[in-house]
Amino acid sequence: MTTHDAGGDPFTPVLEAVRGAGWATTTLSLSGVTDKAAFMERCARGLGLPDWFGRNWDALADCLTDLSWERPARGRLLVVSGWQEYADAAPGEWRIAQDVFSSAVEHWRGAAEGGLEIVLALGPADSADSADSADSADSADCADCADTERGGD
């Protein structure tokens, strides 16, 4: 997950503050994603996942719990926006995605350096991509996002 310019989105002040503390930040827009293939592709491109990323749930979990493919950072914040359309179109897949996110956050819990926090943006699906949006993010770190077991590929 590389740090990039949030470009005027409503999360800019939060992302700048987090970066000031030495954390890497990434925003991942899932706007327009309605199935697993599109979700995996968006993750691959949006997160800059390594070439070995297999575009399945286990591979995503592996990438999020072994960040050796990323530059070292004090910690990492991932803001996921526009996820509502995917959650509506494929609720079972979205529950698995939440479980993968939750497990990754839990994996890094208590790490002195290099931790990972994931925030799901609330509001309209495109709120994080809109410069005039006043919506906020769910500051829960997704540790309680899903109670379901992660499924297979």
N, C-alpha and C. Protein backbone atom coordinates (compact mmCIF):
# COMPACT_ATOMS: atom_id res chain seq x y z
N MET A 1 0.83 -1.16 0.00
CA MET A 1 0.00 0.00 0.00
C MET A 1 0.88 1.23 0.00
N THR A 2 0.87 1.92 -1.06
CA THR A 2 1.72 3.09 -1.17
C THR A 2 0.98 4.33 -0.74
N THR A 3 1.72 5.28 -0.23
CA THR A 3 1.13 6.55 0.16
C THR A 3 0.87 7.34 -1.11
N HIS A 4 -0.32 7.90 -1.22
CA HIS A 4 -0.61 8.73 -2.37
C HIS A 4 -1.45 9.93 -1.97
N ASP A 5 -1.49 10.89 -2.85
CA ASP A 5 -2.22 12.13 -2.58
C ASP A 5 -3.71 11.84 -2.61
N ALA A 6 -4.41 12.21 -1.55
CA ALA A 6 -5.84 11.97 -1.47
C ALA A 6 -6.62 12.94 -2.37
N GLY A 7 -5.96 13.98 -2.88
CA GLY A 7 -6.53 14.86 -3.88
C GLY A 7 -7.84 15.52 -3.52
N GLY A 8 -7.93 16.15 -2.37
CA GLY A 8 -9.10 16.93 -2.03
C GLY A 8 -10.28 16.14 -1.51
N ASP A 9 -10.14 14.86 -1.27
CA ASP A 9 -11.28 14.14 -0.73
C ASP A 9 -11.47 14.50 0.74
N PRO A 10 -12.61 14.14 1.31
CA PRO A 10 -12.90 14.56 2.68
C PRO A 10 -11.98 13.95 3.72
N PHE A 11 -11.17 12.99 3.34
CA PHE A 11 -10.27 12.34 4.29
C PHE A 11 -8.90 12.99 4.33
N THR A 12 -8.67 14.01 3.49
CA THR A 12 -7.35 14.63 3.40
C THR A 12 -6.79 15.02 4.76
N PRO A 13 -7.53 15.71 5.63
CA PRO A 13 -6.94 16.09 6.93
C PRO A 13 -6.53 14.88 7.77
N VAL A 14 -7.33 13.84 7.75
CA VAL A 14 -7.01 12.63 8.52
C VAL A 14 -5.78 11.95 7.94
N LEU A 15 -5.76 11.80 6.62
CA LEU A 15 -4.63 11.14 5.96
C LEU A 15 -3.34 11.92 6.19
N GLU A 16 -3.39 13.24 6.13
CA GLU A 16 -2.20 14.05 6.38
C GLU A 16 -1.71 13.89 7.81
N ALA A 17 -2.63 13.85 8.77
CA ALA A 17 -2.24 13.66 10.16
C ALA A 17 -1.60 12.30 10.38
N VAL A 18 -2.18 11.29 9.77
CA VAL A 18 -1.63 9.93 9.90
C VAL A 18 -0.25 9.86 9.26
N ARG A 19 -0.11 10.47 8.09
CA ARG A 19 1.21 10.50 7.43
C ARG A 19 2.23 11.23 8.30
N GLY A 20 1.78 12.29 8.97
CA GLY A 20 2.67 13.05 9.85
C GLY A 20 3.22 12.21 10.99
N ALA A 21 2.49 11.17 11.35
CA ALA A 21 2.94 10.25 12.40
C ALA A 21 3.81 9.12 11.84
N GLY A 22 4.13 9.21 10.55
CA GLY A 22 5.01 8.20 9.95
C GLY A 22 4.30 7.00 9.36
N TRP A 23 2.99 7.08 9.26
CA TRP A 23 2.23 5.97 8.70
C TRP A 23 2.05 6.17 7.19
N ALA A 24 1.99 5.07 6.47
CA ALA A 24 1.64 5.09 5.05
C ALA A 24 0.12 5.05 4.95
N THR A 25 -0.43 5.74 3.98
CA THR A 25 -1.88 5.75 3.81
C THR A 25 -2.25 5.38 2.40
N THR A 26 -3.39 4.72 2.27
CA THR A 26 -3.93 4.36 0.97
C THR A 26 -5.44 4.47 1.03
N THR A 27 -6.04 4.98 -0.03
CA THR A 27 -7.49 4.93 -0.17
C THR A 27 -7.79 3.95 -1.28
N LEU A 28 -8.77 3.10 -1.05
CA LEU A 28 -9.18 2.10 -2.02
C LEU A 28 -10.65 2.33 -2.34
N SER A 29 -10.93 2.80 -3.54
CA SER A 29 -12.31 3.01 -3.96
C SER A 29 -12.84 1.74 -4.61
N LEU A 30 -13.96 1.27 -4.09
CA LEU A 30 -14.62 0.10 -4.68
C LEU A 30 -15.84 0.51 -5.50
N SER A 31 -15.97 1.79 -5.81
CA SER A 31 -17.10 2.25 -6.62
C SER A 31 -17.16 1.48 -7.93
N GLY A 32 -18.34 0.97 -8.25
CA GLY A 32 -18.54 0.21 -9.47
C GLY A 32 -18.23 -1.28 -9.36
N VAL A 33 -17.69 -1.72 -8.23
CA VAL A 33 -17.37 -3.14 -8.04
C VAL A 33 -18.63 -3.88 -7.62
N THR A 34 -18.96 -4.95 -8.34
CA THR A 34 -20.17 -5.72 -8.02
C THR A 34 -19.92 -7.22 -7.91
N ASP A 35 -18.68 -7.66 -8.15
CA ASP A 35 -18.40 -9.09 -8.03
C ASP A 35 -16.96 -9.32 -7.55
N LYS A 36 -16.67 -10.56 -7.22
CA LYS A 36 -15.36 -10.91 -6.65
C LYS A 36 -14.23 -10.60 -7.61
N ALA A 37 -14.39 -10.91 -8.89
CA ALA A 37 -13.31 -10.67 -9.85
C ALA A 37 -12.95 -9.19 -9.89
N ALA A 38 -13.96 -8.33 -9.93
CA ALA A 38 -13.71 -6.89 -9.96
C ALA A 38 -13.10 -6.42 -8.64
N PHE A 39 -13.56 -6.98 -7.51
CA PHE A 39 -13.01 -6.64 -6.21
C PHE A 39 -11.52 -6.99 -6.15
N MET A 40 -11.18 -8.19 -6.58
CA MET A 40 -9.78 -8.63 -6.55
C MET A 40 -8.91 -7.77 -7.47
N GLU A 41 -9.43 -7.44 -8.63
CA GLU A 41 -8.68 -6.60 -9.56
C GLU A 41 -8.47 -5.21 -8.98
N ARG A 42 -9.52 -4.65 -8.36
CA ARG A 42 -9.41 -3.33 -7.75
C ARG A 42 -8.39 -3.36 -6.62
N CYS A 43 -8.39 -4.42 -5.81
CA CYS A 43 -7.40 -4.55 -4.75
C CYS A 43 -5.99 -4.64 -5.33
N ALA A 44 -5.82 -5.46 -6.36
CA ALA A 44 -4.50 -5.62 -6.98
C ALA A 44 -3.95 -4.29 -7.46
N ARG A 45 -4.77 -3.53 -8.18
CA ARG A 45 -4.32 -2.25 -8.72
C ARG A 45 -4.26 -1.17 -7.65
N GLY A 46 -5.32 -1.06 -6.87
CA GLY A 46 -5.43 0.03 -5.89
C GLY A 46 -4.44 -0.08 -4.74
N LEU A 47 -4.09 -1.28 -4.36
CA LEU A 47 -3.16 -1.48 -3.26
C LEU A 47 -1.74 -1.74 -3.74
N GLY A 48 -1.58 -1.88 -5.05
CA GLY A 48 -0.26 -2.16 -5.59
C GLY A 48 0.27 -3.50 -5.13
N LEU A 49 -0.62 -4.52 -5.11
CA LEU A 49 -0.22 -5.83 -4.61
C LEU A 49 0.84 -6.46 -5.50
N PRO A 50 1.65 -7.35 -4.95
CA PRO A 50 2.75 -7.94 -5.72
C PRO A 50 2.23 -8.86 -6.83
N ASP A 51 3.10 -9.15 -7.78
CA ASP A 51 2.75 -9.99 -8.93
C ASP A 51 2.24 -11.37 -8.52
N TRP A 52 2.70 -11.87 -7.37
CA TRP A 52 2.28 -13.21 -6.94
C TRP A 52 0.87 -13.24 -6.35
N PHE A 53 0.22 -12.07 -6.24
CA PHE A 53 -1.15 -12.03 -5.71
C PHE A 53 -2.06 -12.87 -6.60
N GLY A 54 -2.68 -13.90 -6.02
CA GLY A 54 -3.47 -14.87 -6.78
C GLY A 54 -4.92 -14.51 -7.02
N ARG A 55 -5.34 -13.32 -6.65
CA ARG A 55 -6.71 -12.84 -6.87
C ARG A 55 -7.76 -13.79 -6.29
N ASN A 56 -7.50 -14.23 -5.05
CA ASN A 56 -8.46 -15.02 -4.30
C ASN A 56 -8.37 -14.59 -2.84
N TRP A 57 -9.31 -15.05 -2.02
CA TRP A 57 -9.38 -14.60 -0.62
C TRP A 57 -8.13 -14.92 0.18
N ASP A 58 -7.62 -16.15 0.01
CA ASP A 58 -6.42 -16.52 0.76
C ASP A 58 -5.22 -15.68 0.37
N ALA A 59 -5.08 -15.38 -0.92
CA ALA A 59 -3.97 -14.56 -1.39
C ALA A 59 -4.09 -13.13 -0.85
N LEU A 60 -5.31 -12.60 -0.81
CA LEU A 60 -5.51 -11.27 -0.25
C LEU A 60 -5.13 -11.27 1.23
N ALA A 61 -5.57 -12.28 1.96
CA ALA A 61 -5.21 -12.40 3.38
C ALA A 61 -3.69 -12.47 3.53
N ASP A 62 -3.04 -13.25 2.69
CA ASP A 62 -1.58 -13.35 2.75
C ASP A 62 -0.91 -12.00 2.52
N CYS A 63 -1.38 -11.26 1.54
CA CYS A 63 -0.79 -9.95 1.23
C CYS A 63 -0.97 -8.96 2.39
N LEU A 64 -2.11 -9.02 3.05
CA LEU A 64 -2.39 -8.08 4.13
C LEU A 64 -1.73 -8.46 5.46
N THR A 65 -1.33 -9.71 5.60
CA THR A 65 -0.67 -10.12 6.85
C THR A 65 0.84 -10.27 6.69
N ASP A 66 1.32 -10.26 5.47
CA ASP A 66 2.76 -10.26 5.20
C ASP A 66 3.04 -9.08 4.29
N LEU A 67 3.39 -7.97 4.88
CA LEU A 67 3.58 -6.73 4.12
C LEU A 67 5.03 -6.54 3.70
N SER A 68 5.79 -7.63 3.59
CA SER A 68 7.19 -7.52 3.19
C SER A 68 7.34 -6.98 1.77
N TRP A 69 6.29 -7.04 0.98
CA TRP A 69 6.31 -6.50 -0.38
C TRP A 69 6.17 -4.98 -0.39
N GLU A 70 5.86 -4.39 0.75
CA GLU A 70 5.68 -2.94 0.89
C GLU A 70 6.91 -2.29 1.49
N ARG A 71 7.02 -0.99 1.28
CA ARG A 71 8.07 -0.22 1.96
C ARG A 71 7.80 -0.23 3.45
N PRO A 72 8.85 -0.26 4.25
CA PRO A 72 8.65 -0.20 5.71
C PRO A 72 7.95 1.10 6.10
N ALA A 73 7.10 1.01 7.09
CA ALA A 73 6.41 2.18 7.63
C ALA A 73 6.10 1.92 9.09
N ARG A 74 5.92 2.97 9.84
CA ARG A 74 5.57 2.84 11.26
C ARG A 74 4.24 2.10 11.40
N GLY A 75 3.35 2.34 10.46
CA GLY A 75 2.05 1.68 10.41
C GLY A 75 1.39 2.02 9.09
N ARG A 76 0.23 1.43 8.84
CA ARG A 76 -0.49 1.65 7.59
C ARG A 76 -1.97 1.84 7.87
N LEU A 77 -2.55 2.81 7.16
CA LEU A 77 -3.97 3.05 7.23
C LEU A 77 -4.55 2.87 5.84
N LEU A 78 -5.54 2.01 5.73
CA LEU A 78 -6.26 1.78 4.47
C LEU A 78 -7.69 2.26 4.66
N VAL A 79 -8.11 3.23 3.84
CA VAL A 79 -9.48 3.73 3.86
C VAL A 79 -10.19 3.15 2.65
N VAL A 80 -11.24 2.37 2.89
CA VAL A 80 -12.01 1.73 1.82
C VAL A 80 -13.30 2.52 1.63
N SER A 81 -13.51 3.03 0.42
CA SER A 81 -14.72 3.79 0.12
C SER A 81 -15.49 3.10 -1.00
N GLY A 82 -16.74 3.51 -1.18
CA GLY A 82 -17.55 3.01 -2.28
C GLY A 82 -17.86 1.52 -2.21
N TRP A 83 -17.81 0.94 -1.04
CA TRP A 83 -17.99 -0.50 -0.86
C TRP A 83 -19.46 -0.92 -0.84
N GLN A 84 -20.37 0.02 -0.68
CA GLN A 84 -21.78 -0.30 -0.48
C GLN A 84 -22.39 -1.04 -1.68
N GLU A 85 -22.03 -0.65 -2.89
CA GLU A 85 -22.57 -1.32 -4.08
C GLU A 85 -22.17 -2.79 -4.10
N TYR A 86 -20.93 -3.07 -3.77
CA TYR A 86 -20.45 -4.46 -3.71
C TYR A 86 -21.17 -5.22 -2.60
N ALA A 87 -21.33 -4.58 -1.46
CA ALA A 87 -22.03 -5.22 -0.33
C ALA A 87 -23.46 -5.58 -0.70
N ASP A 88 -24.12 -4.71 -1.46
CA ASP A 88 -25.50 -4.98 -1.90
C ASP A 88 -25.56 -6.05 -2.98
N ALA A 89 -24.63 -6.00 -3.94
CA ALA A 89 -24.65 -6.92 -5.07
C ALA A 89 -24.21 -8.33 -4.69
N ALA A 90 -23.28 -8.43 -3.76
CA ALA A 90 -22.71 -9.74 -3.40
C ALA A 90 -22.47 -9.78 -1.89
N PRO A 91 -23.55 -9.86 -1.10
CA PRO A 91 -23.40 -9.77 0.36
C PRO A 91 -22.53 -10.87 0.96
N GLY A 92 -22.61 -12.07 0.42
CA GLY A 92 -21.77 -13.15 0.94
C GLY A 92 -20.29 -12.89 0.70
N GLU A 93 -19.97 -12.44 -0.49
CA GLU A 93 -18.58 -12.10 -0.81
C GLU A 93 -18.11 -10.93 0.05
N TRP A 94 -18.97 -9.93 0.24
CA TRP A 94 -18.59 -8.78 1.05
C TRP A 94 -18.31 -9.20 2.49
N ARG A 95 -19.10 -10.14 3.03
CA ARG A 95 -18.83 -10.64 4.38
C ARG A 95 -17.46 -11.30 4.44
N ILE A 96 -17.09 -12.03 3.40
CA ILE A 96 -15.76 -12.66 3.37
C ILE A 96 -14.69 -11.57 3.31
N ALA A 97 -14.90 -10.56 2.48
CA ALA A 97 -13.93 -9.46 2.38
C ALA A 97 -13.75 -8.80 3.75
N GLN A 98 -14.87 -8.56 4.45
CA GLN A 98 -14.79 -7.96 5.78
C GLN A 98 -14.01 -8.86 6.73
N ASP A 99 -14.21 -10.15 6.62
CA ASP A 99 -13.51 -11.09 7.48
C ASP A 99 -12.00 -11.05 7.19
N VAL A 100 -11.64 -10.99 5.92
CA VAL A 100 -10.22 -10.88 5.55
C VAL A 100 -9.63 -9.60 6.10
N PHE A 101 -10.35 -8.48 5.94
CA PHE A 101 -9.88 -7.21 6.49
C PHE A 101 -9.74 -7.29 8.00
N SER A 102 -10.76 -7.82 8.65
CA SER A 102 -10.76 -7.92 10.11
C SER A 102 -9.61 -8.79 10.61
N SER A 103 -9.39 -9.92 9.96
CA SER A 103 -8.30 -10.82 10.35
C SER A 103 -6.94 -10.16 10.17
N ALA A 104 -6.78 -9.38 9.10
CA ALA A 104 -5.51 -8.69 8.87
C ALA A 104 -5.26 -7.65 9.96
N VAL A 105 -6.28 -6.88 10.31
CA VAL A 105 -6.14 -5.89 11.38
C VAL A 105 -5.77 -6.59 12.68
N GLU A 106 -6.46 -7.66 12.99
CA GLU A 106 -6.19 -8.41 14.22
C GLU A 106 -4.77 -8.98 14.21
N HIS A 107 -4.32 -9.45 13.06
CA HIS A 107 -2.96 -9.99 12.93
C HIS A 107 -1.92 -8.95 13.36
N TRP A 108 -2.14 -7.71 12.98
CA TRP A 108 -1.18 -6.65 13.26
C TRP A 108 -1.41 -5.98 14.62
N ARG A 109 -2.50 -6.32 15.30
CA ARG A 109 -2.82 -5.70 16.58
C ARG A 109 -1.66 -5.90 17.54
N GLY A 110 -1.20 -4.83 18.16
CA GLY A 110 -0.13 -4.91 19.15
C GLY A 110 1.26 -4.87 18.56
N ALA A 111 1.38 -4.82 17.23
CA ALA A 111 2.71 -4.74 16.63
C ALA A 111 3.32 -3.39 16.95
N ALA A 112 4.57 -3.39 17.37
CA ALA A 112 5.24 -2.14 17.72
C ALA A 112 5.41 -1.25 16.49
N GLU A 113 5.69 -1.83 15.37
CA GLU A 113 5.87 -1.11 14.11
C GLU A 113 5.19 -1.90 13.00
N GLY A 114 4.76 -1.18 11.98
CA GLY A 114 4.24 -1.84 10.79
C GLY A 114 2.81 -2.32 10.88
N GLY A 115 2.03 -1.85 11.84
CA GLY A 115 0.65 -2.28 11.97
C GLY A 115 -0.22 -1.86 10.81
N LEU A 116 -1.44 -2.36 10.81
CA LEU A 116 -2.40 -2.06 9.75
C LEU A 116 -3.76 -1.77 10.39
N GLU A 117 -4.35 -0.67 9.98
CA GLU A 117 -5.72 -0.34 10.36
C GLU A 117 -6.51 -0.14 9.08
N ILE A 118 -7.74 -0.61 9.06
CA ILE A 118 -8.61 -0.48 7.89
C ILE A 118 -9.89 0.21 8.32
N VAL A 119 -10.25 1.25 7.60
CA VAL A 119 -11.43 2.04 7.90
C VAL A 119 -12.38 1.97 6.71
N LEU A 120 -13.64 1.68 6.99
CA LEU A 120 -14.67 1.67 5.94
C LEU A 120 -15.38 3.02 5.95
N ALA A 121 -15.33 3.73 4.84
CA ALA A 121 -15.97 5.03 4.73
C ALA A 121 -17.47 4.86 4.63
N LEU A 122 -18.20 5.68 5.37
CA LEU A 122 -19.66 5.67 5.32
C LEU A 122 -20.15 6.77 4.40
N GLY A 123 -21.40 6.68 4.01
CA GLY A 123 -21.99 7.71 3.16
C GLY A 123 -22.24 7.16 1.78
N PRO A 124 -22.55 8.04 0.84
CA PRO A 124 -22.78 7.60 -0.53
C PRO A 124 -21.57 6.84 -1.04
N ALA A 125 -21.79 5.92 -1.96
CA ALA A 125 -20.73 5.06 -2.47
C ALA A 125 -19.53 5.82 -2.99
N ASP A 126 -19.73 7.02 -3.51
CA ASP A 126 -18.62 7.78 -4.05
C ASP A 126 -18.15 8.89 -3.12
N SER A 127 -18.49 8.84 -1.84
CA SER A 127 -18.19 9.94 -0.93
C SER A 127 -16.70 10.21 -0.79
N ALA A 128 -15.87 9.19 -0.79
CA ALA A 128 -14.44 9.42 -0.62
C ALA A 128 -13.81 9.96 -1.89
N ASP A 129 -14.53 9.86 -3.00
CA ASP A 129 -13.99 10.35 -4.27
C ASP A 129 -14.50 11.74 -4.59
N SER A 130 -15.36 12.28 -3.76
CA SER A 130 -15.97 13.57 -4.03
C SER A 130 -15.35 14.65 -3.17
N ALA A 131 -14.91 15.73 -3.80
CA ALA A 131 -14.24 16.80 -3.06
C ALA A 131 -15.20 17.58 -2.18
N ASP A 132 -16.50 17.56 -2.47
CA ASP A 132 -17.43 18.36 -1.69
C ASP A 132 -18.24 17.54 -0.70
N SER A 133 -17.85 16.32 -0.45
CA SER A 133 -18.57 15.47 0.49
C SER A 133 -18.19 15.79 1.92
N ALA A 134 -19.17 15.78 2.81
CA ALA A 134 -18.90 16.03 4.23
C ALA A 134 -19.07 14.76 5.04
N ASP A 135 -19.17 13.61 4.36
CA ASP A 135 -19.36 12.35 5.08
C ASP A 135 -18.08 11.96 5.80
N SER A 136 -18.24 11.13 6.81
CA SER A 136 -17.10 10.71 7.60
C SER A 136 -16.82 9.24 7.41
N ALA A 137 -15.76 8.78 8.06
CA ALA A 137 -15.38 7.37 8.02
C ALA A 137 -15.77 6.71 9.32
N ASP A 138 -16.07 5.42 9.24
CA ASP A 138 -16.31 4.62 10.43
C ASP A 138 -14.94 4.38 11.05
N SER A 139 -14.69 4.96 12.21
CA SER A 139 -13.35 4.88 12.77
C SER A 139 -13.07 3.54 13.43
N ALA A 140 -14.06 2.67 13.48
CA ALA A 140 -13.78 1.32 13.96
C ALA A 140 -12.81 0.69 12.99
N ASP A 141 -11.85 -0.05 13.49
CA ASP A 141 -10.80 -0.54 12.65
C ASP A 141 -11.16 -1.83 11.93
N CYS A 142 -12.41 -2.14 11.87
CA CYS A 142 -12.90 -3.28 11.14
C CYS A 142 -12.65 -4.59 11.89
N ALA A 143 -12.19 -4.52 13.13
CA ALA A 143 -11.94 -5.74 13.89
C ALA A 143 -13.24 -6.50 14.15
N ASP A 144 -14.36 -5.79 14.14
CA ASP A 144 -15.65 -6.44 14.37
C ASP A 144 -16.51 -6.44 13.12
N CYS A 145 -15.87 -6.32 11.94
CA CYS A 145 -16.61 -6.19 10.68
C CYS A 145 -17.48 -7.38 10.37
N ALA A 146 -16.99 -8.58 10.63
CA ALA A 146 -17.76 -9.75 10.22
C ALA A 146 -17.56 -10.87 11.22
N ASP A 147 -18.60 -11.64 11.39
CA ASP A 147 -18.51 -12.80 12.27
C ASP A 147 -18.41 -14.09 11.48
N THR A 148 -18.38 -13.98 10.15
CA THR A 148 -18.38 -15.18 9.33
C THR A 148 -16.97 -15.73 9.18
N GLU A 149 -16.89 -17.00 8.91
CA GLU A 149 -15.61 -17.64 8.64
C GLU A 149 -15.20 -17.30 7.22
N ARG A 150 -13.90 -17.11 6.99
CA ARG A 150 -13.40 -16.87 5.64
C ARG A 150 -13.58 -18.15 4.84
N GLY A 151 -14.18 -18.00 3.68
CA GLY A 151 -14.40 -19.15 2.80
C GLY A 151 -13.19 -19.43 1.96
N GLY A 152 -13.28 -20.43 1.12
CA GLY A 152 -12.21 -20.78 0.21
C GLY A 152 -12.15 -19.83 -0.94
N ASP A 153 -11.43 -20.20 -1.96
CA ASP A 153 -11.26 -19.34 -3.11
C ASP A 153 -12.55 -19.21 -3.81
